[in-house]
């Protein structure tokens, strides 16, 4: 199965939210690539189904506060074609 990279930005985080995101990252093997007082950036690479499941979890937990950037062969292909 192909794996795809996702980067998720969670905005307006409280201290409790940041603690919860660090817990989630340990459980799911997610890398926290950056965080400050109110924003956390997560990066992970899984199969499409696992990525979708994690996004659903994060959307439920952090309603209207996440931004998702998906990578993978489809995203890379669209960039390659548009640059030709």
PDB file of N, CA and C in Angstrom:
ATOM      1  N   UNK A   1       0.827  -1.188   0.000  1.00  0.00           N
ATOM      2  CA  UNK A   1       0.000   0.000   0.000  1.00  0.00           C
ATOM      3  C   UNK A   1       0.869   1.249   0.000  1.00  0.00           C
ATOM      4  N   UNK A   2       0.408   2.238  -0.686  1.00  0.00           N
ATOM      5  CA  UNK A   2       1.110   3.507  -0.721  1.00  0.00           C
ATOM      6  C   UNK A   2       0.829   4.303   0.548  1.00  0.00           C
ATOM      7  N   UNK A   3       1.855   5.015   0.970  1.00  0.00           N
ATOM      8  CA  UNK A   3       1.684   5.914   2.106  1.00  0.00           C
ATOM      9  C   UNK A   3       1.723   7.344   1.598  1.00  0.00           C
ATOM     10  N   UNK A   4       0.979   8.192   2.275  1.00  0.00           N
ATOM     11  CA  UNK A   4       0.931   9.603   1.905  1.00  0.00           C
ATOM     12  C   UNK A   4       1.237  10.445   3.131  1.00  0.00           C
ATOM     13  N   UNK A   5       1.876  11.563   2.874  1.00  0.00           N
ATOM     14  CA  UNK A   5       2.244  12.475   3.942  1.00  0.00           C
ATOM     15  C   UNK A   5       1.128  13.494   4.166  1.00  0.00           C
ATOM     16  N   UNK A   6       0.854  13.785   5.419  1.00  0.00           N
ATOM     17  CA  UNK A   6      -0.086  14.832   5.790  1.00  0.00           C
ATOM     18  C   UNK A   6       0.578  15.758   6.785  1.00  0.00           C
ATOM     19  N   UNK A   7       0.277  17.034   6.663  1.00  0.00           N
ATOM     20  CA  UNK A   7       0.664  18.015   7.669  1.00  0.00           C
ATOM     21  C   UNK A   7      -0.627  18.659   8.139  1.00  0.00           C
ATOM     22  N   UNK A   8      -0.807  18.693   9.456  1.00  0.00           N
ATOM     23  CA  UNK A   8      -2.025  19.253  10.031  1.00  0.00           C
ATOM     24  C   UNK A   8      -1.636  20.395  10.961  1.00  0.00           C
ATOM     25  N   UNK A   9      -2.327  21.510  10.812  1.00  0.00           N
ATOM     26  CA  UNK A   9      -2.138  22.665  11.678  1.00  0.00           C
ATOM     27  C   UNK A   9      -3.379  22.798  12.546  1.00  0.00           C
ATOM     28  N   UNK A  10      -3.195  22.829  13.857  1.00  0.00           N
ATOM     29  CA  UNK A  10      -4.301  23.021  14.784  1.00  0.00           C
ATOM     30  C   UNK A  10      -4.129  24.398  15.412  1.00  0.00           C
ATOM     31  N   UNK A  11      -5.143  25.233  15.245  1.00  0.00           N
ATOM     32  CA  UNK A  11      -5.099  26.622  15.712  1.00  0.00           C
ATOM     33  C   UNK A  11      -5.812  26.790  17.047  1.00  0.00           C
ATOM     34  N   UNK A  12      -5.508  27.900  17.715  1.00  0.00           N
ATOM     35  CA  UNK A  12      -6.198  28.310  18.952  1.00  0.00           C
ATOM     36  C   UNK A  12      -6.154  27.229  20.019  1.00  0.00           C
ATOM     37  N   UNK A  13      -4.968  26.677  20.264  1.00  0.00           N
ATOM     38  CA  UNK A  13      -4.807  25.602  21.238  1.00  0.00           C
ATOM     39  C   UNK A  13      -4.597  26.155  22.645  1.00  0.00           C
ATOM     40  N   UNK A  14      -5.283  25.542  23.583  1.00  0.00           N
ATOM     41  CA  UNK A  14      -5.042  25.828  24.995  1.00  0.00           C
ATOM     42  C   UNK A  14      -3.885  24.941  25.461  1.00  0.00           C
ATOM     43  N   UNK A  15      -3.431  25.150  26.686  1.00  0.00           N
ATOM     44  CA  UNK A  15      -2.391  24.279  27.235  1.00  0.00           C
ATOM     45  C   UNK A  15      -2.881  22.829  27.287  1.00  0.00           C
ATOM     46  N   UNK A  16      -4.159  22.639  27.625  1.00  0.00           N
ATOM     47  CA  UNK A  16      -4.729  21.287  27.662  1.00  0.00           C
ATOM     48  C   UNK A  16      -4.758  20.666  26.267  1.00  0.00           C
ATOM     49  N   UNK A  17      -5.064  21.470  25.248  1.00  0.00           N
ATOM     50  CA  UNK A  17      -5.061  20.976  23.859  1.00  0.00           C
ATOM     51  C   UNK A  17      -3.662  20.524  23.462  1.00  0.00           C
ATOM     52  N   UNK A  18      -2.659  21.316  23.797  1.00  0.00           N
ATOM     53  CA  UNK A  18      -1.277  20.972  23.434  1.00  0.00           C
ATOM     54  C   UNK A  18      -0.861  19.684  24.132  1.00  0.00           C
ATOM     55  N   UNK A  19      -1.217  19.548  25.398  1.00  0.00           N
ATOM     56  CA  UNK A  19      -0.920  18.305  26.128  1.00  0.00           C
ATOM     57  C   UNK A  19      -1.598  17.119  25.448  1.00  0.00           C
ATOM     58  N   UNK A  20      -2.854  17.292  25.057  1.00  0.00           N
ATOM     59  CA  UNK A  20      -3.593  16.221  24.382  1.00  0.00           C
ATOM     60  C   UNK A  20      -2.953  15.874  23.033  1.00  0.00           C
ATOM     61  N   UNK A  21      -2.507  16.872  22.289  1.00  0.00           N
ATOM     62  CA  UNK A  21      -1.858  16.613  20.996  1.00  0.00           C
ATOM     63  C   UNK A  21      -0.541  15.865  21.170  1.00  0.00           C
ATOM     64  N   UNK A  22       0.213  16.167  22.213  1.00  0.00           N
ATOM     65  CA  UNK A  22       1.436  15.405  22.476  1.00  0.00           C
ATOM     66  C   UNK A  22       1.090  13.960  22.822  1.00  0.00           C
ATOM     67  N   UNK A  23       0.008  13.740  23.567  1.00  0.00           N
ATOM     68  CA  UNK A  23      -0.428  12.379  23.890  1.00  0.00           C
ATOM     69  C   UNK A  23      -0.844  11.629  22.631  1.00  0.00           C
ATOM     70  N   UNK A  24      -1.654  12.285  21.793  1.00  0.00           N
ATOM     71  CA  UNK A  24      -2.098  11.674  20.542  1.00  0.00           C
ATOM     72  C   UNK A  24      -0.902  11.348  19.652  1.00  0.00           C
ATOM     73  N   UNK A  25       0.071  12.243  19.608  1.00  0.00           N
ATOM     74  CA  UNK A  25       1.243  12.014  18.758  1.00  0.00           C
ATOM     75  C   UNK A  25       2.019  10.772  19.186  1.00  0.00           C
ATOM     76  N   UNK A  26       2.116  10.533  20.486  1.00  0.00           N
ATOM     77  CA  UNK A  26       2.811   9.336  20.967  1.00  0.00           C
ATOM     78  C   UNK A  26       2.039   8.069  20.615  1.00  0.00           C
ATOM     79  N   UNK A  27       0.726   8.109  20.766  1.00  0.00           N
ATOM     80  CA  UNK A  27      -0.105   6.931  20.500  1.00  0.00           C
ATOM     81  C   UNK A  27      -0.093   6.565  19.015  1.00  0.00           C
ATOM     82  N   UNK A  28      -0.175   7.579  18.137  1.00  0.00           N
ATOM     83  CA  UNK A  28      -0.306   7.330  16.701  1.00  0.00           C
ATOM     84  C   UNK A  28       1.001   7.460  15.925  1.00  0.00           C
ATOM     85  N   UNK A  29       2.102   7.736  16.599  1.00  0.00           N
ATOM     86  CA  UNK A  29       3.385   7.853  15.904  1.00  0.00           C
ATOM     87  C   UNK A  29       3.484   9.080  15.014  1.00  0.00           C
ATOM     88  N   UNK A  30       2.912  10.173  15.479  1.00  0.00           N
ATOM     89  CA  UNK A  30       2.900  11.424  14.726  1.00  0.00           C
ATOM     90  C   UNK A  30       4.060  12.283  15.202  1.00  0.00           C
ATOM     91  N   UNK A  31       4.658  13.035  14.293  1.00  0.00           N
ATOM     92  CA  UNK A  31       5.724  13.952  14.643  1.00  0.00           C
ATOM     93  C   UNK A  31       5.152  15.354  14.807  1.00  0.00           C
ATOM     94  N   UNK A  32       5.444  15.977  15.933  1.00  0.00           N
ATOM     95  CA  UNK A  32       5.094  17.388  16.110  1.00  0.00           C
ATOM     96  C   UNK A  32       6.275  18.182  15.569  1.00  0.00           C
ATOM     97  N   UNK A  33       6.048  18.864  14.437  1.00  0.00           N
ATOM     98  CA  UNK A  33       7.150  19.549  13.768  1.00  0.00           C
ATOM     99  C   UNK A  33       7.317  20.988  14.243  1.00  0.00           C
ATOM    100  N   UNK A  34       6.272  21.549  14.860  1.00  0.00           N
ATOM    101  CA  UNK A  34       6.387  22.915  15.368  1.00  0.00           C
ATOM    102  C   UNK A  34       5.205  23.199  16.285  1.00  0.00           C
ATOM    103  N   UNK A  35       5.444  24.010  17.285  1.00  0.00           N
ATOM    104  CA  UNK A  35       4.339  24.506  18.103  1.00  0.00           C
ATOM    105  C   UNK A  35       4.769  25.790  18.801  1.00  0.00           C
ATOM    106  N   UNK A  36       3.780  26.631  19.055  1.00  0.00           N
ATOM    107  CA  UNK A  36       4.017  27.843  19.827  1.00  0.00           C
ATOM    108  C   UNK A  36       2.894  27.947  20.851  1.00  0.00           C
ATOM    109  N   UNK A  37       2.621  29.112  21.341  1.00  0.00           N
ATOM    110  CA  UNK A  37       1.627  29.262  22.390  1.00  0.00           C
ATOM    111  C   UNK A  37       0.224  28.834  22.025  1.00  0.00           C
ATOM    112  N   UNK A  38      -0.121  28.868  20.733  1.00  0.00           N
ATOM    113  CA  UNK A  38      -1.509  28.563  20.376  1.00  0.00           C
ATOM    114  C   UNK A  38      -1.679  27.726  19.109  1.00  0.00           C
ATOM    115  N   UNK A  39      -0.602  27.328  18.469  1.00  0.00           N
ATOM    116  CA  UNK A  39      -0.685  26.572  17.222  1.00  0.00           C
ATOM    117  C   UNK A  39       0.265  25.372  17.273  1.00  0.00           C
ATOM    118  N   UNK A  40      -0.219  24.232  16.766  1.00  0.00           N
ATOM    119  CA  UNK A  40       0.599  23.015  16.706  1.00  0.00           C
ATOM    120  C   UNK A  40       0.563  22.489  15.275  1.00  0.00           C
ATOM    121  N   UNK A  41       1.735  22.106  14.746  1.00  0.00           N
ATOM    122  CA  UNK A  41       1.838  21.490  13.425  1.00  0.00           C
ATOM    123  C   UNK A  41       2.242  20.025  13.599  1.00  0.00           C
ATOM    124  N   UNK A  42       1.443  19.124  13.036  1.00  0.00           N
ATOM    125  CA  UNK A  42       1.711  17.690  13.072  1.00  0.00           C
ATOM    126  C   UNK A  42       2.078  17.199  11.683  1.00  0.00           C
ATOM    127  N   UNK A  43       2.953  16.208  11.626  1.00  0.00           N
ATOM    128  CA  UNK A  43       3.301  15.589  10.347  1.00  0.00           C
ATOM    129  C   UNK A  43       3.268  14.080  10.528  1.00  0.00           C
ATOM    130  N   UNK A  44       2.658  13.390   9.578  1.00  0.00           N
ATOM    131  CA  UNK A  44       2.614  11.942   9.652  1.00  0.00           C
ATOM    132  C   UNK A  44       2.452  11.357   8.259  1.00  0.00           C
ATOM    133  N   UNK A  45       2.899  10.112   8.138  1.00  0.00           N
ATOM    134  CA  UNK A  45       2.828   9.414   6.859  1.00  0.00           C
ATOM    135  C   UNK A  45       2.258   8.026   7.097  1.00  0.00           C
ATOM    136  N   UNK A  46       1.048   7.819   6.602  1.00  0.00           N
ATOM    137  CA  UNK A  46       0.370   6.545   6.741  1.00  0.00           C
ATOM    138  C   UNK A  46      -0.382   6.252   5.446  1.00  0.00           C
ATOM    139  N   UNK A  47      -1.077   5.125   5.449  1.00  0.00           N
ATOM    140  CA  UNK A  47      -1.919   4.814   4.301  1.00  0.00           C
ATOM    141  C   UNK A  47      -3.076   5.813   4.264  1.00  0.00           C
ATOM    142  N   UNK A  48      -3.723   5.907   3.132  1.00  0.00           N
ATOM    143  CA  UNK A  48      -4.817   6.863   2.971  1.00  0.00           C
ATOM    144  C   UNK A  48      -5.915   6.645   4.008  1.00  0.00           C
ATOM    145  N   UNK A  49      -6.271   5.390   4.255  1.00  0.00           N
ATOM    146  CA  UNK A  49      -7.334   5.094   5.231  1.00  0.00           C
ATOM    147  C   UNK A  49      -6.950   5.531   6.637  1.00  0.00           C
ATOM    148  N   UNK A  50      -5.721   5.234   7.039  1.00  0.00           N
ATOM    149  CA  UNK A  50      -5.269   5.639   8.379  1.00  0.00           C
ATOM    150  C   UNK A  50      -5.193   7.158   8.482  1.00  0.00           C
ATOM    151  N   UNK A  51      -4.727   7.815   7.417  1.00  0.00           N
ATOM    152  CA  UNK A  51      -4.699   9.278   7.409  1.00  0.00           C
ATOM    153  C   UNK A  51      -6.101   9.842   7.574  1.00  0.00           C
ATOM    154  N   UNK A  52      -7.053   9.284   6.841  1.00  0.00           N
ATOM    155  CA  UNK A  52      -8.443   9.747   6.931  1.00  0.00           C
ATOM    156  C   UNK A  52      -9.002   9.553   8.336  1.00  0.00           C
ATOM    157  N   UNK A  53      -8.709   8.400   8.945  1.00  0.00           N
ATOM    158  CA  UNK A  53      -9.200   8.129  10.299  1.00  0.00           C
ATOM    159  C   UNK A  53      -8.643   9.138  11.303  1.00  0.00           C
ATOM    160  N   UNK A  54      -7.373   9.454  11.167  1.00  0.00           N
ATOM    161  CA  UNK A  54      -6.767  10.414  12.088  1.00  0.00           C
ATOM    162  C   UNK A  54      -7.346  11.815  11.883  1.00  0.00           C
ATOM    163  N   UNK A  55      -7.572  12.196  10.648  1.00  0.00           N
ATOM    164  CA  UNK A  55      -8.165  13.505  10.367  1.00  0.00           C
ATOM    165  C   UNK A  55      -9.563  13.591  10.968  1.00  0.00           C
ATOM    166  N   UNK A  56     -10.342  12.515  10.871  1.00  0.00           N
ATOM    167  CA  UNK A  56     -11.680  12.491  11.476  1.00  0.00           C
ATOM    168  C   UNK A  56     -11.575  12.681  12.986  1.00  0.00           C
ATOM    169  N   UNK A  57     -10.639  11.979  13.618  1.00  0.00           N
ATOM    170  CA  UNK A  57     -10.428  12.123  15.052  1.00  0.00           C
ATOM    171  C   UNK A  57     -10.086  13.567  15.416  1.00  0.00           C
ATOM    172  N   UNK A  58      -9.153  14.153  14.684  1.00  0.00           N
ATOM    173  CA  UNK A  58      -8.730  15.521  14.984  1.00  0.00           C
ATOM    174  C   UNK A  58      -9.851  16.528  14.737  1.00  0.00           C
ATOM    175  N   UNK A  59     -10.642  16.308  13.693  1.00  0.00           N
ATOM    176  CA  UNK A  59     -11.766  17.212  13.421  1.00  0.00           C
ATOM    177  C   UNK A  59     -12.805  17.162  14.534  1.00  0.00           C
ATOM    178  N   UNK A  60     -13.027  15.984  15.090  1.00  0.00           N
ATOM    179  CA  UNK A  60     -13.985  15.849  16.199  1.00  0.00           C
ATOM    180  C   UNK A  60     -13.451  16.514  17.468  1.00  0.00           C
ATOM    181  N   UNK A  61     -12.166  16.338  17.717  1.00  0.00           N
ATOM    182  CA  UNK A  61     -11.554  16.833  18.946  1.00  0.00           C
ATOM    183  C   UNK A  61     -11.311  18.343  18.898  1.00  0.00           C
ATOM    184  N   UNK A  62     -10.950  18.859  17.723  1.00  0.00           N
ATOM    185  CA  UNK A  62     -10.576  20.271  17.570  1.00  0.00           C
ATOM    186  C   UNK A  62     -11.450  20.906  16.483  1.00  0.00           C
ATOM    187  N   UNK A  63     -12.724  21.011  16.765  1.00  0.00           N
ATOM    188  CA  UNK A  63     -13.739  21.454  15.809  1.00  0.00           C
ATOM    189  C   UNK A  63     -13.403  22.841  15.247  1.00  0.00           C
ATOM    190  N   UNK A  64     -13.418  22.929  13.916  1.00  0.00           N
ATOM    191  CA  UNK A  64     -13.187  24.178  13.175  1.00  0.00           C
ATOM    192  C   UNK A  64     -11.849  24.839  13.469  1.00  0.00           C
ATOM    193  N   UNK A  65     -10.860  24.031  13.882  1.00  0.00           N
ATOM    194  CA  UNK A  65      -9.551  24.605  14.190  1.00  0.00           C
ATOM    195  C   UNK A  65      -8.404  23.923  13.468  1.00  0.00           C
ATOM    196  N   UNK A  66      -8.699  23.008  12.531  1.00  0.00           N
ATOM    197  CA  UNK A  66      -7.592  22.325  11.862  1.00  0.00           C
ATOM    198  C   UNK A  66      -7.527  22.669  10.379  1.00  0.00           C
ATOM    199  N   UNK A  67      -6.300  22.662   9.882  1.00  0.00           N
ATOM    200  CA  UNK A  67      -6.027  22.828   8.450  1.00  0.00           C
ATOM    201  C   UNK A  67      -5.175  21.637   8.038  1.00  0.00           C
ATOM    202  N   UNK A  68      -5.555  20.968   6.958  1.00  0.00           N
ATOM    203  CA  UNK A  68      -4.858  19.761   6.503  1.00  0.00           C
ATOM    204  C   UNK A  68      -4.216  20.017   5.153  1.00  0.00           C
ATOM    205  N   UNK A  69      -2.946  19.642   5.044  1.00  0.00           N
ATOM    206  CA  UNK A  69      -2.246  19.656   3.759  1.00  0.00           C
ATOM    207  C   UNK A  69      -1.837  18.230   3.467  1.00  0.00           C
ATOM    208  N   UNK A  70      -2.356  17.703   2.361  1.00  0.00           N
ATOM    209  CA  UNK A  70      -2.067  16.321   1.986  1.00  0.00           C
ATOM    210  C   UNK A  70      -0.948  16.274   0.956  1.00  0.00           C
ATOM    211  N   UNK A  71      -0.106  15.281   1.107  1.00  0.00           N
ATOM    212  CA  UNK A  71       0.942  15.026   0.131  1.00  0.00           C
ATOM    213  C   UNK A  71       0.694  13.689  -0.526  1.00  0.00           C
ATOM    214  N   UNK A  72       1.668  13.189  -1.221  1.00  0.00           N
ATOM    215  CA  UNK A  72       1.534  11.884  -1.857  1.00  0.00           C
ATOM    216  C   UNK A  72       1.616  11.988  -3.359  1.00  0.00           C
ATOM    217  N   UNK A  73       1.416  10.869  -4.023  1.00  0.00           N
ATOM    218  CA  UNK A  73       1.621  10.809  -5.473  1.00  0.00           C
ATOM    219  C   UNK A  73       0.649  11.705  -6.235  1.00  0.00           C
ATOM    220  N   UNK A  74      -0.578  11.835  -5.784  1.00  0.00           N
ATOM    221  CA  UNK A  74      -1.543  12.680  -6.494  1.00  0.00           C
ATOM    222  C   UNK A  74      -1.136  14.137  -6.396  1.00  0.00           C
ATOM    223  N   UNK A  75      -0.774  14.598  -5.187  1.00  0.00           N
ATOM    224  CA  UNK A  75      -0.363  15.986  -5.010  1.00  0.00           C
ATOM    225  C   UNK A  75       0.917  16.277  -5.777  1.00  0.00           C
ATOM    226  N   UNK A  76       1.876  15.363  -5.728  1.00  0.00           N
ATOM    227  CA  UNK A  76       3.138  15.556  -6.434  1.00  0.00           C
ATOM    228  C   UNK A  76       2.902  15.566  -7.935  1.00  0.00           C
ATOM    229  N   UNK A  77       2.065  14.676  -8.434  1.00  0.00           N
ATOM    230  CA  UNK A  77       1.766  14.618  -9.862  1.00  0.00           C
ATOM    231  C   UNK A  77       1.120  15.914 -10.339  1.00  0.00           C
ATOM    232  N   UNK A  78       0.189  16.465  -9.561  1.00  0.00           N
ATOM    233  CA  UNK A  78      -0.472  17.695 -10.003  1.00  0.00           C
ATOM    234  C   UNK A  78       0.499  18.863 -10.060  1.00  0.00           C
ATOM    235  N   UNK A  79       1.469  18.894  -9.145  1.00  0.00           N
ATOM    236  CA  UNK A  79       2.487  19.948  -9.186  1.00  0.00           C
ATOM    237  C   UNK A  79       3.375  19.751 -10.412  1.00  0.00           C
ATOM    238  N   UNK A  80       3.779  18.516 -10.680  1.00  0.00           N
ATOM    239  CA  UNK A  80       4.650  18.247 -11.818  1.00  0.00           C
ATOM    240  C   UNK A  80       3.989  18.615 -13.129  1.00  0.00           C
ATOM    241  N   UNK A  81       2.733  18.309 -13.279  1.00  0.00           N
ATOM    242  CA  UNK A  81       2.022  18.605 -14.520  1.00  0.00           C
ATOM    243  C   UNK A  81       1.840  20.104 -14.696  1.00  0.00           C
ATOM    244  N   UNK A  82       1.516  20.816 -13.614  1.00  0.00           N
ATOM    245  CA  UNK A  82       1.280  22.253 -13.740  1.00  0.00           C
ATOM    246  C   UNK A  82       2.554  23.019 -14.032  1.00  0.00           C
ATOM    247  N   UNK A  83       3.705  22.459 -13.704  1.00  0.00           N
ATOM    248  CA  UNK A  83       4.975  23.150 -13.960  1.00  0.00           C
ATOM    249  C   UNK A  83       5.493  22.930 -15.373  1.00  0.00           C
ATOM    250  N   UNK A  84       4.893  22.046 -16.139  1.00  0.00           N
ATOM    251  CA  UNK A  84       5.388  21.748 -17.491  1.00  0.00           C
ATOM    252  C   UNK A  84       5.013  22.811 -18.478  1.00  0.00           C
TER     253      UNK A  84
END
